[in-house]
Structure formats: structure tokens, C-alpha cells
């Protein structure tokens, strides 16, 4: 992450009202601008100013649905900061301790999370063709997609599997699905299911757009039938993938979190 991007992230997070906006979008992704503005005492104009700061930092992305502009939290800038300062040794303990903290707090408050869809945006200094290759090449996915190798011909109707190698050398599918749409260099849509779970398949959509010298990757994961086990497993799994993908394409090396 460049220093100016880091500065924008910290500036956006420095205001309590903007942090509250992110909290609301985490709890209820897809809120309309008006719905979000109503949660604050200040005017809609002031809310829009705060939203512009968050969008400029990449922490909020919007999707147009008819006349409504729906807003989503994008955790990628925060994940990039995390990758910069959390070592690979402390990351495991940090994630376990925070998960325990949040679970205990949720039990105490009776809070329920309504994040039944997730939208992520990341800008990568690469080309659409190279990004497509990174998404569909097994040697590359192994370097950023939690060590799994993607398998499939990426044609509509065909299967897609992310294979993992066990300690005994056996190979199994850690994630499987079916290709719903495939436009090389532009768009990939597939169902998403963990073979060991009985949850209904969800859906993942990758959208690739040229954005100046960079490529804009928008990933939407939706179709959750409530707070399923699949939902629980993936809600923190995507940001490290996109952070690793960005690093791999921009540097040619897999992401290595410093000690």
C-alpha cells in the first residue's frame, strides 16, 4: 500500500461518525444512502461528506440498484494495514483472541450479525488478462488462495474446485462450485460450497474493469441462507486473499507478512 493510500485510510478512520458508518454497514450491508443518513443527528449533506471520505479511502463501495445507491463495507484497505504490521507468528493468536472477544460480547449483548452479502473492491496495478490468469491458474492461486490450487476449464456449466493437499499427501476439494458465467478478462461467476458442509451453495461474482493504470476488481459474495456455517467461515477469509493477490501481481512474489 502506498503511503497516500495509508494516510487516507487512517484519516477516514479517525472520525467517530465515520467509524460508526462502517459499523452500520458491517451489520447491514447494502443500506441505502438515505437509510444510513437517518441514523445520524446531522444533515444528509454532512453524511454525504463523510461518505465521500470513506469512499475515497476505498472503505465503502456503492452499487446502483434502480434509484437506490446501496453501500457496502470494503475491508481490503484495513486488511492491507494489518498485513503490514502483524507478523505471521502473531496473526494466528491475534485472530483467535479477537474472535473469542467478539463471540463473548455477542453472547452478552444478544447481538446478531446481518451481513448476508459481502462486496470487496481492490485496485491492482496489472492488466485484465494477467488478473484473469491469476484467478484461473492453479500455480498462482496456490500462492494467495489459502494454499489451494484451482481446477476447471472455466466454461459456463462446468465445475470449479479448489484443491488442497493434506499432510499425508492426499488431495481433496476444499471448495467446489459450478461456473454460472465466464467472460475472460471481464467477469467470472460461480457457485460456492464447502464439500464437508450441508449448507446450500452461495454465489461469488468477480468483475474486472480497467481503471487508468490499474485494474479494478470487484468481488461480491451473496446468496447466504442466513448466518450459516459457510457464512461464518468466509466472513474473514476474503480480505487476506485479495491482499495476497494484489501483492503477487504487483511484485511477482507471494505475500509474506513480516515478523
C-alpha atoms as a PDB file:
ATOM      1  CA  UNK A   1       0.000   0.000   0.000  1.00  0.00           C
ATOM      2  CA  UNK A   2       1.332   3.449  -0.911  1.00  0.00           C
ATOM      3  CA  UNK A   3       1.717   5.998   1.858  1.00  0.00           C
ATOM      4  CA  UNK A   4      -1.029   8.245   0.428  1.00  0.00           C
ATOM      5  CA  UNK A   5      -3.480   5.313   0.481  1.00  0.00           C
ATOM      6  CA  UNK A   6      -2.480   4.509   4.059  1.00  0.00           C
ATOM      7  CA  UNK A   7      -2.934   8.159   5.046  1.00  0.00           C
ATOM      8  CA  UNK A   8      -6.426   8.185   3.510  1.00  0.00           C
ATOM      9  CA  UNK A   9      -7.380   5.058   5.436  1.00  0.00           C
ATOM     10  CA  UNK A  10      -6.202   6.438   8.788  1.00  0.00           C
ATOM     11  CA  UNK A  11      -7.823   9.814   8.083  1.00  0.00           C
ATOM     12  CA  UNK A  12     -11.122   8.133   7.274  1.00  0.00           C
ATOM     13  CA  UNK A  13     -10.982   6.026  10.432  1.00  0.00           C
ATOM     14  CA  UNK A  14     -10.012   8.960  12.671  1.00  0.00           C
ATOM     15  CA  UNK A  15     -13.586  10.268  12.875  1.00  0.00           C
ATOM     16  CA  UNK A  16     -16.041   8.565  15.237  1.00  0.00           C
ATOM     17  CA  UNK A  17     -19.028   9.202  12.939  1.00  0.00           C
ATOM     18  CA  UNK A  18     -17.266   7.560  10.000  1.00  0.00           C
ATOM     19  CA  UNK A  19     -16.322   4.581  12.150  1.00  0.00           C
ATOM     20  CA  UNK A  20     -19.992   4.322  13.172  1.00  0.00           C
ATOM     21  CA  UNK A  21     -20.956   4.315   9.481  1.00  0.00           C
ATOM     22  CA  UNK A  22     -18.626   1.399   8.869  1.00  0.00           C
ATOM     23  CA  UNK A  23     -20.090  -0.418  11.872  1.00  0.00           C
ATOM     24  CA  UNK A  24     -23.583   0.027  10.457  1.00  0.00           C
ATOM     25  CA  UNK A  25     -22.531  -1.209   7.021  1.00  0.00           C
ATOM     26  CA  UNK A  26     -20.878  -4.233   8.591  1.00  0.00           C
ATOM     27  CA  UNK A  27     -24.106  -5.044  10.439  1.00  0.00           C
ATOM     28  CA  UNK A  28     -26.389  -4.238   7.493  1.00  0.00           C
ATOM     29  CA  UNK A  29     -24.563  -4.338   4.160  1.00  0.00           C
ATOM     30  CA  UNK A  30     -26.492  -2.787   1.310  1.00  0.00           C
ATOM     31  CA  UNK A  31     -28.012   0.111   3.273  1.00  0.00           C
ATOM     32  CA  UNK A  32     -29.189   2.955   1.059  1.00  0.00           C
ATOM     33  CA  UNK A  33     -27.640   6.392   1.438  1.00  0.00           C
ATOM     34  CA  UNK A  34     -30.873   7.749   2.915  1.00  0.00           C
ATOM     35  CA  UNK A  35     -31.211   4.857   5.357  1.00  0.00           C
ATOM     36  CA  UNK A  36     -27.661   5.380   6.570  1.00  0.00           C
ATOM     37  CA  UNK A  37     -28.065   9.157   6.865  1.00  0.00           C
ATOM     38  CA  UNK A  38     -31.168   8.739   9.040  1.00  0.00           C
ATOM     39  CA  UNK A  39     -29.061   7.049  11.726  1.00  0.00           C
ATOM     40  CA  UNK A  40     -27.230  10.320  12.461  1.00  0.00           C
ATOM     41  CA  UNK A  41     -28.306  13.631  14.002  1.00  0.00           C
ATOM     42  CA  UNK A  42     -26.549  15.749  11.390  1.00  0.00           C
ATOM     43  CA  UNK A  43     -27.880  16.578   7.922  1.00  0.00           C
ATOM     44  CA  UNK A  44     -27.839  14.338   4.864  1.00  0.00           C
ATOM     45  CA  UNK A  45     -25.375  16.787   3.305  1.00  0.00           C
ATOM     46  CA  UNK A  46     -22.955  16.220   6.218  1.00  0.00           C
ATOM     47  CA  UNK A  47     -23.460  12.453   5.924  1.00  0.00           C
ATOM     48  CA  UNK A  48     -22.585  12.624   2.232  1.00  0.00           C
ATOM     49  CA  UNK A  49     -19.357  14.460   3.068  1.00  0.00           C
ATOM     50  CA  UNK A  50     -18.384  11.671   5.467  1.00  0.00           C
ATOM     51  CA  UNK A  51     -19.284   9.054   2.867  1.00  0.00           C
ATOM     52  CA  UNK A  52     -17.087  10.731   0.267  1.00  0.00           C
ATOM     53  CA  UNK A  53     -14.116  10.461   2.629  1.00  0.00           C
ATOM     54  CA  UNK A  54     -14.846   6.763   3.216  1.00  0.00           C
ATOM     55  CA  UNK A  55     -15.287   6.072  -0.495  1.00  0.00           C
ATOM     56  CA  UNK A  56     -12.125   7.988  -1.366  1.00  0.00           C
ATOM     57  CA  UNK A  57     -10.239   5.725   1.072  1.00  0.00           C
ATOM     58  CA  UNK A  58     -11.824   2.654  -0.509  1.00  0.00           C
ATOM     59  CA  UNK A  59     -13.530   1.671   2.745  1.00  0.00           C
ATOM     60  CA  UNK A  60     -17.029   1.973   1.284  1.00  0.00           C
ATOM     61  CA  UNK A  61     -18.205   0.866  -2.159  1.00  0.00           C
ATOM     62  CA  UNK A  62     -21.605   1.529  -3.683  1.00  0.00           C
ATOM     63  CA  UNK A  63     -23.789  -0.435  -6.083  1.00  0.00           C
ATOM     64  CA  UNK A  64     -26.646   1.167  -8.026  1.00  0.00           C
ATOM     65  CA  UNK A  65     -29.982  -0.659  -7.771  1.00  0.00           C
ATOM     66  CA  UNK A  66     -32.646   1.283  -9.637  1.00  0.00           C
ATOM     67  CA  UNK A  67     -32.812   4.671  -7.970  1.00  0.00           C
ATOM     68  CA  UNK A  68     -31.114   3.467  -4.803  1.00  0.00           C
ATOM     69  CA  UNK A  69     -27.384   3.613  -4.200  1.00  0.00           C
ATOM     70  CA  UNK A  70     -26.558   0.739  -1.851  1.00  0.00           C
ATOM     71  CA  UNK A  71     -23.456   0.899   0.320  1.00  0.00           C
ATOM     72  CA  UNK A  72     -21.078  -1.859   1.416  1.00  0.00           C
ATOM     73  CA  UNK A  73     -18.094  -2.019   3.727  1.00  0.00           C
ATOM     74  CA  UNK A  74     -14.854  -2.863   1.897  1.00  0.00           C
ATOM     75  CA  UNK A  75     -12.311  -4.272   4.369  1.00  0.00           C
ATOM     76  CA  UNK A  76      -9.388  -4.531   1.931  1.00  0.00           C
ATOM     77  CA  UNK A  77      -7.599  -1.264   2.974  1.00  0.00           C
ATOM     78  CA  UNK A  78      -7.786  -2.330   6.636  1.00  0.00           C
ATOM     79  CA  UNK A  79      -6.534  -5.825   5.759  1.00  0.00           C
ATOM     80  CA  UNK A  80      -3.564  -4.284   3.913  1.00  0.00           C
ATOM     81  CA  UNK A  81      -2.602  -2.317   7.019  1.00  0.00           C
ATOM     82  CA  UNK A  82      -2.992  -5.478   9.106  1.00  0.00           C
ATOM     83  CA  UNK A  83      -0.684  -7.375   6.729  1.00  0.00           C
ATOM     84  CA  UNK A  84       1.930  -4.646   7.041  1.00  0.00           C
ATOM     85  CA  UNK A  85       2.262  -4.701  10.821  1.00  0.00           C
ATOM     86  CA  UNK A  86       1.030  -8.073  12.091  1.00  0.00           C
ATOM     87  CA  UNK A  87       3.611 -10.852  11.893  1.00  0.00           C
ATOM     88  CA  UNK A  88       2.790 -14.313  10.642  1.00  0.00           C
ATOM     89  CA  UNK A  89       3.521 -15.620  14.145  1.00  0.00           C
ATOM     90  CA  UNK A  90       1.216 -13.252  15.982  1.00  0.00           C
ATOM     91  CA  UNK A  91      -1.553 -13.284  13.361  1.00  0.00           C
ATOM     92  CA  UNK A  92      -2.909 -16.651  14.488  1.00  0.00           C
ATOM     93  CA  UNK A  93      -3.082 -15.631  18.136  1.00  0.00           C
ATOM     94  CA  UNK A  94      -4.493 -12.207  17.261  1.00  0.00           C
ATOM     95  CA  UNK A  95      -7.296 -13.708  15.183  1.00  0.00           C
ATOM     96  CA  UNK A  96      -8.151 -16.319  17.823  1.00  0.00           C
ATOM     97  CA  UNK A  97      -8.215 -13.822  20.677  1.00  0.00           C
ATOM     98  CA  UNK A  98     -10.312 -11.267  18.807  1.00  0.00           C
ATOM     99  CA  UNK A  99     -12.715 -13.992  17.647  1.00  0.00           C
ATOM    100  CA  UNK A 100     -13.162 -15.063  21.279  1.00  0.00           C
ATOM    101  CA  UNK A 101     -13.691 -11.436  22.348  1.00  0.00           C
ATOM    102  CA  UNK A 102     -16.342 -10.806  19.699  1.00  0.00           C
ATOM    103  CA  UNK A 103     -18.153 -14.073  20.409  1.00  0.00           C
ATOM    104  CA  UNK A 104     -18.334 -13.321  24.138  1.00  0.00           C
ATOM    105  CA  UNK A 105     -19.548  -9.781  23.500  1.00  0.00           C
ATOM    106  CA  UNK A 106     -22.192 -11.054  21.083  1.00  0.00           C
ATOM    107  CA  UNK A 107     -23.463 -13.539  23.661  1.00  0.00           C
ATOM    108  CA  UNK A 108     -23.628 -10.829  26.318  1.00  0.00           C
ATOM    109  CA  UNK A 109     -25.485  -8.335  24.142  1.00  0.00           C
ATOM    110  CA  UNK A 110     -27.674 -10.750  22.214  1.00  0.00           C
ATOM    111  CA  UNK A 111     -26.370  -9.098  19.048  1.00  0.00           C
ATOM    112  CA  UNK A 112     -26.943 -10.795  15.711  1.00  0.00           C
ATOM    113  CA  UNK A 113     -24.998 -10.020  12.566  1.00  0.00           C
ATOM    114  CA  UNK A 114     -26.971  -9.403   9.374  1.00  0.00           C
ATOM    115  CA  UNK A 115     -24.032  -9.382   6.929  1.00  0.00           C
ATOM    116  CA  UNK A 116     -25.632 -11.762   4.440  1.00  0.00           C
ATOM    117  CA  UNK A 117     -23.772 -10.403   1.445  1.00  0.00           C
ATOM    118  CA  UNK A 118     -20.246  -9.091   1.071  1.00  0.00           C
ATOM    119  CA  UNK A 119     -18.711  -6.729  -1.501  1.00  0.00           C
ATOM    120  CA  UNK A 120     -14.976  -6.112  -1.871  1.00  0.00           C
ATOM    121  CA  UNK A 121     -13.072  -3.778  -4.186  1.00  0.00           C
ATOM    122  CA  UNK A 122      -9.327  -3.805  -4.762  1.00  0.00           C
ATOM    123  CA  UNK A 123      -7.241  -1.858  -7.288  1.00  0.00           C
ATOM    124  CA  UNK A 124      -4.283  -3.769  -8.698  1.00  0.00           C
ATOM    125  CA  UNK A 125      -1.539  -2.403 -10.928  1.00  0.00           C
ATOM    126  CA  UNK A 126      -1.798  -5.080 -13.608  1.00  0.00           C
ATOM    127  CA  UNK A 127      -3.772  -5.895 -16.761  1.00  0.00           C
ATOM    128  CA  UNK A 128      -7.179  -7.605 -17.043  1.00  0.00           C
ATOM    129  CA  UNK A 129      -5.505 -10.536 -18.808  1.00  0.00           C
ATOM    130  CA  UNK A 130      -2.949 -11.055 -16.044  1.00  0.00           C
ATOM    131  CA  UNK A 131      -5.620 -10.768 -13.371  1.00  0.00           C
ATOM    132  CA  UNK A 132      -7.760 -13.359 -15.151  1.00  0.00           C
ATOM    133  CA  UNK A 133      -4.768 -15.692 -15.307  1.00  0.00           C
ATOM    134  CA  UNK A 134      -4.179 -15.220 -11.578  1.00  0.00           C
ATOM    135  CA  UNK A 135      -7.807 -16.168 -10.880  1.00  0.00           C
ATOM    136  CA  UNK A 136      -7.749 -19.258 -13.105  1.00  0.00           C
ATOM    137  CA  UNK A 137      -4.191 -20.634 -12.872  1.00  0.00           C
ATOM    138  CA  UNK A 138      -3.595 -23.297 -10.207  1.00  0.00           C
ATOM    139  CA  UNK A 139       0.073 -22.397  -9.698  1.00  0.00           C
ATOM    140  CA  UNK A 140      -0.942 -18.822  -8.928  1.00  0.00           C
ATOM    141  CA  UNK A 141      -3.958 -19.494  -6.699  1.00  0.00           C
ATOM    142  CA  UNK A 142      -1.746 -21.707  -4.548  1.00  0.00           C
ATOM    143  CA  UNK A 143       0.252 -18.591  -3.677  1.00  0.00           C
ATOM    144  CA  UNK A 144      -2.634 -16.469  -2.417  1.00  0.00           C
ATOM    145  CA  UNK A 145      -5.869 -18.527  -2.089  1.00  0.00           C
ATOM    146  CA  UNK A 146      -5.125 -20.181   1.255  1.00  0.00           C
ATOM    147  CA  UNK A 147      -2.715 -22.632  -0.417  1.00  0.00           C
ATOM    148  CA  UNK A 148      -5.343 -24.183  -2.702  1.00  0.00           C
ATOM    149  CA  UNK A 149      -4.991 -24.974  -6.419  1.00  0.00           C
ATOM    150  CA  UNK A 150      -7.939 -24.099  -8.643  1.00  0.00           C
ATOM    151  CA  UNK A 151      -9.103 -26.738 -11.136  1.00  0.00           C
ATOM    152  CA  UNK A 152     -11.535 -26.354 -14.039  1.00  0.00           C
ATOM    153  CA  UNK A 153     -11.890 -25.220 -17.650  1.00  0.00           C
ATOM    154  CA  UNK A 154     -13.862 -22.081 -16.674  1.00  0.00           C
ATOM    155  CA  UNK A 155     -16.629 -22.656 -19.182  1.00  0.00           C
ATOM    156  CA  UNK A 156     -20.256 -21.992 -18.301  1.00  0.00           C
ATOM    157  CA  UNK A 157     -21.815 -25.065 -16.721  1.00  0.00           C
ATOM    158  CA  UNK A 158     -18.527 -26.746 -15.825  1.00  0.00           C
ATOM    159  CA  UNK A 159     -17.262 -27.433 -12.317  1.00  0.00           C
ATOM    160  CA  UNK A 160     -14.675 -25.474 -10.354  1.00  0.00           C
ATOM    161  CA  UNK A 161     -12.690 -26.886  -7.434  1.00  0.00           C
ATOM    162  CA  UNK A 162     -10.034 -25.514  -5.114  1.00  0.00           C
ATOM    163  CA  UNK A 163      -7.851 -28.463  -4.179  1.00  0.00           C
ATOM    164  CA  UNK A 164      -5.778 -28.766  -1.026  1.00  0.00           C
ATOM    165  CA  UNK A 165      -3.019 -31.256  -0.193  1.00  0.00           C
ATOM    166  CA  UNK A 166      -3.233 -32.950   3.190  1.00  0.00           C
ATOM    167  CA  UNK A 167      -0.273 -33.811   5.406  1.00  0.00           C
ATOM    168  CA  UNK A 168      -0.427 -37.446   4.243  1.00  0.00           C
ATOM    169  CA  UNK A 169      -0.123 -36.340   0.618  1.00  0.00           C
ATOM    170  CA  UNK A 170      -3.752 -36.951  -0.323  1.00  0.00           C
ATOM    171  CA  UNK A 171      -5.578 -34.293  -2.330  1.00  0.00           C
ATOM    172  CA  UNK A 172      -9.164 -33.199  -1.678  1.00  0.00           C
ATOM    173  CA  UNK A 173     -11.510 -30.422  -2.732  1.00  0.00           C
ATOM    174  CA  UNK A 174     -11.647 -27.690  -0.105  1.00  0.00           C
ATOM    175  CA  UNK A 175     -14.129 -25.624  -2.106  1.00  0.00           C
ATOM    176  CA  UNK A 176     -16.317 -26.510  -5.074  1.00  0.00           C
ATOM    177  CA  UNK A 177     -18.857 -24.932  -7.366  1.00  0.00           C
ATOM    178  CA  UNK A 178     -20.268 -24.563 -10.853  1.00  0.00           C
ATOM    179  CA  UNK A 179     -19.450 -21.840 -13.373  1.00  0.00           C
ATOM    180  CA  UNK A 180     -22.532 -19.677 -13.991  1.00  0.00           C
ATOM    181  CA  UNK A 181     -20.902 -17.060 -16.228  1.00  0.00           C
ATOM    182  CA  UNK A 182     -17.440 -16.730 -17.736  1.00  0.00           C
ATOM    183  CA  UNK A 183     -16.110 -13.761 -19.721  1.00  0.00           C
ATOM    184  CA  UNK A 184     -12.283 -13.996 -19.771  1.00  0.00           C
ATOM    185  CA  UNK A 185     -10.711 -10.771 -18.592  1.00  0.00           C
ATOM    186  CA  UNK A 186     -14.097  -9.317 -17.616  1.00  0.00           C
ATOM    187  CA  UNK A 187     -16.330 -11.426 -15.395  1.00  0.00           C
ATOM    188  CA  UNK A 188     -16.496 -14.768 -13.595  1.00  0.00           C
ATOM    189  CA  UNK A 189     -19.484 -16.052 -11.622  1.00  0.00           C
ATOM    190  CA  UNK A 190     -19.665 -19.403  -9.848  1.00  0.00           C
ATOM    191  CA  UNK A 191     -21.489 -21.125  -7.045  1.00  0.00           C
ATOM    192  CA  UNK A 192     -19.556 -21.647  -3.818  1.00  0.00           C
ATOM    193  CA  UNK A 193     -19.809 -24.553  -1.397  1.00  0.00           C
ATOM    194  CA  UNK A 194     -17.634 -26.326   1.142  1.00  0.00           C
ATOM    195  CA  UNK A 195     -17.998 -30.054   0.350  1.00  0.00           C
ATOM    196  CA  UNK A 196     -17.911 -31.051   4.004  1.00  0.00           C
ATOM    197  CA  UNK A 197     -20.894 -28.832   4.899  1.00  0.00           C
ATOM    198  CA  UNK A 198     -24.572 -29.299   4.145  1.00  0.00           C
ATOM    199  CA  UNK A 199     -25.267 -25.592   3.553  1.00  0.00           C
ATOM    200  CA  UNK A 200     -26.881 -24.541   0.286  1.00  0.00           C
ATOM    201  CA  UNK A 201     -24.369 -23.161  -2.271  1.00  0.00           C
ATOM    202  CA  UNK A 202     -23.813 -19.410  -2.312  1.00  0.00           C
ATOM    203  CA  UNK A 203     -22.562 -17.299  -5.225  1.00  0.00           C
ATOM    204  CA  UNK A 204     -19.309 -15.444  -5.947  1.00  0.00           C
ATOM    205  CA  UNK A 205     -19.018 -12.813  -8.694  1.00  0.00           C
ATOM    206  CA  UNK A 206     -15.691 -11.394  -9.906  1.00  0.00           C
ATOM    207  CA  UNK A 207     -15.926  -8.233 -12.052  1.00  0.00           C
ATOM    208  CA  UNK A 208     -12.798  -6.908 -13.771  1.00  0.00           C
ATOM    209  CA  UNK A 209     -12.577  -3.337 -15.102  1.00  0.00           C
ATOM    210  CA  UNK A 210      -9.721  -1.211 -16.419  1.00  0.00           C
ATOM    211  CA  UNK A 211      -9.233   1.816 -14.168  1.00  0.00           C
ATOM    212  CA  UNK A 212      -6.465   4.013 -15.554  1.00  0.00           C
ATOM    213  CA  UNK A 213      -3.106   2.360 -14.890  1.00  0.00           C
ATOM    214  CA  UNK A 214      -4.744  -0.175 -12.596  1.00  0.00           C
ATOM    215  CA  UNK A 215      -7.440  -2.816 -12.778  1.00  0.00           C
ATOM    216  CA  UNK A 216     -10.476  -2.633 -10.503  1.00  0.00           C
ATOM    217  CA  UNK A 217     -11.553  -5.998  -9.123  1.00  0.00           C
ATOM    218  CA  UNK A 218     -14.998  -6.102  -7.516  1.00  0.00           C
ATOM    219  CA  UNK A 219     -15.965  -9.317  -5.759  1.00  0.00           C
ATOM    220  CA  UNK A 220     -19.488  -9.929  -4.483  1.00  0.00           C
ATOM    221  CA  UNK A 221     -20.305 -12.951  -2.314  1.00  0.00           C
ATOM    222  CA  UNK A 222     -24.041 -13.354  -1.798  1.00  0.00           C
ATOM    223  CA  UNK A 223     -26.849 -15.883  -1.548  1.00  0.00           C
ATOM    224  CA  UNK A 224     -26.322 -16.821   2.104  1.00  0.00           C
ATOM    225  CA  UNK A 225     -29.377 -18.505   3.625  1.00  0.00           C
ATOM    226  CA  UNK A 226     -28.881 -16.748   6.944  1.00  0.00           C
ATOM    227  CA  UNK A 227     -25.944 -16.992   9.332  1.00  0.00           C
ATOM    228  CA  UNK A 228     -24.908 -20.434   8.133  1.00  0.00           C
ATOM    229  CA  UNK A 229     -21.652 -22.196   8.903  1.00  0.00           C
ATOM    230  CA  UNK A 230     -20.475 -21.186   5.425  1.00  0.00           C
ATOM    231  CA  UNK A 231     -21.169 -17.555   6.240  1.00  0.00           C
ATOM    232  CA  UNK A 232     -19.230 -17.818   9.499  1.00  0.00           C
ATOM    233  CA  UNK A 233     -16.248 -19.416   7.770  1.00  0.00           C
ATOM    234  CA  UNK A 234     -15.906 -16.950   4.889  1.00  0.00           C
ATOM    235  CA  UNK A 235     -16.642 -13.602   6.530  1.00  0.00           C
ATOM    236  CA  UNK A 236     -12.983 -13.140   7.470  1.00  0.00           C
ATOM    237  CA  UNK A 237     -11.463 -15.252   4.728  1.00  0.00           C
ATOM    238  CA  UNK A 238     -11.747 -12.997   1.693  1.00  0.00           C
ATOM    239  CA  UNK A 239      -9.617  -9.921   2.619  1.00  0.00           C
ATOM    240  CA  UNK A 240      -6.350 -11.897   3.049  1.00  0.00           C
ATOM    241  CA  UNK A 241      -6.952 -13.499  -0.369  1.00  0.00           C
ATOM    242  CA  UNK A 242      -7.298 -10.158  -2.139  1.00  0.00           C
ATOM    243  CA  UNK A 243      -4.360  -8.671  -0.274  1.00  0.00           C
ATOM    244  CA  UNK A 244      -2.226 -11.634  -1.331  1.00  0.00           C
ATOM    245  CA  UNK A 245      -3.499 -11.449  -4.928  1.00  0.00           C
ATOM    246  CA  UNK A 246      -2.595  -7.760  -5.166  1.00  0.00           C
ATOM    247  CA  UNK A 247       0.889  -8.364  -3.764  1.00  0.00           C
ATOM    248  CA  UNK A 248       1.543 -11.303  -6.093  1.00  0.00           C
ATOM    249  CA  UNK A 249       0.534  -9.416  -9.239  1.00  0.00           C
ATOM    250  CA  UNK A 250       2.307  -6.178  -8.340  1.00  0.00           C
ATOM    251  CA  UNK A 251       5.572  -7.656  -7.048  1.00  0.00           C
ATOM    252  CA  UNK A 252       5.745 -11.148  -8.547  1.00  0.00           C
ATOM    253  CA  UNK A 253       6.157 -12.549  -5.032  1.00  0.00           C
ATOM    254  CA  UNK A 254       3.596 -14.080  -2.654  1.00  0.00           C
ATOM    255  CA  UNK A 255       2.593 -12.029   0.354  1.00  0.00           C
ATOM    256  CA  UNK A 256       4.927 -12.608   3.278  1.00  0.00           C
ATOM    257  CA  UNK A 257       3.814 -10.990   6.492  1.00  0.00           C
ATOM    258  CA  UNK A 258       6.846  -9.609   8.267  1.00  0.00           C
ATOM    259  CA  UNK A 259       7.968 -10.897  11.661  1.00  0.00           C
END
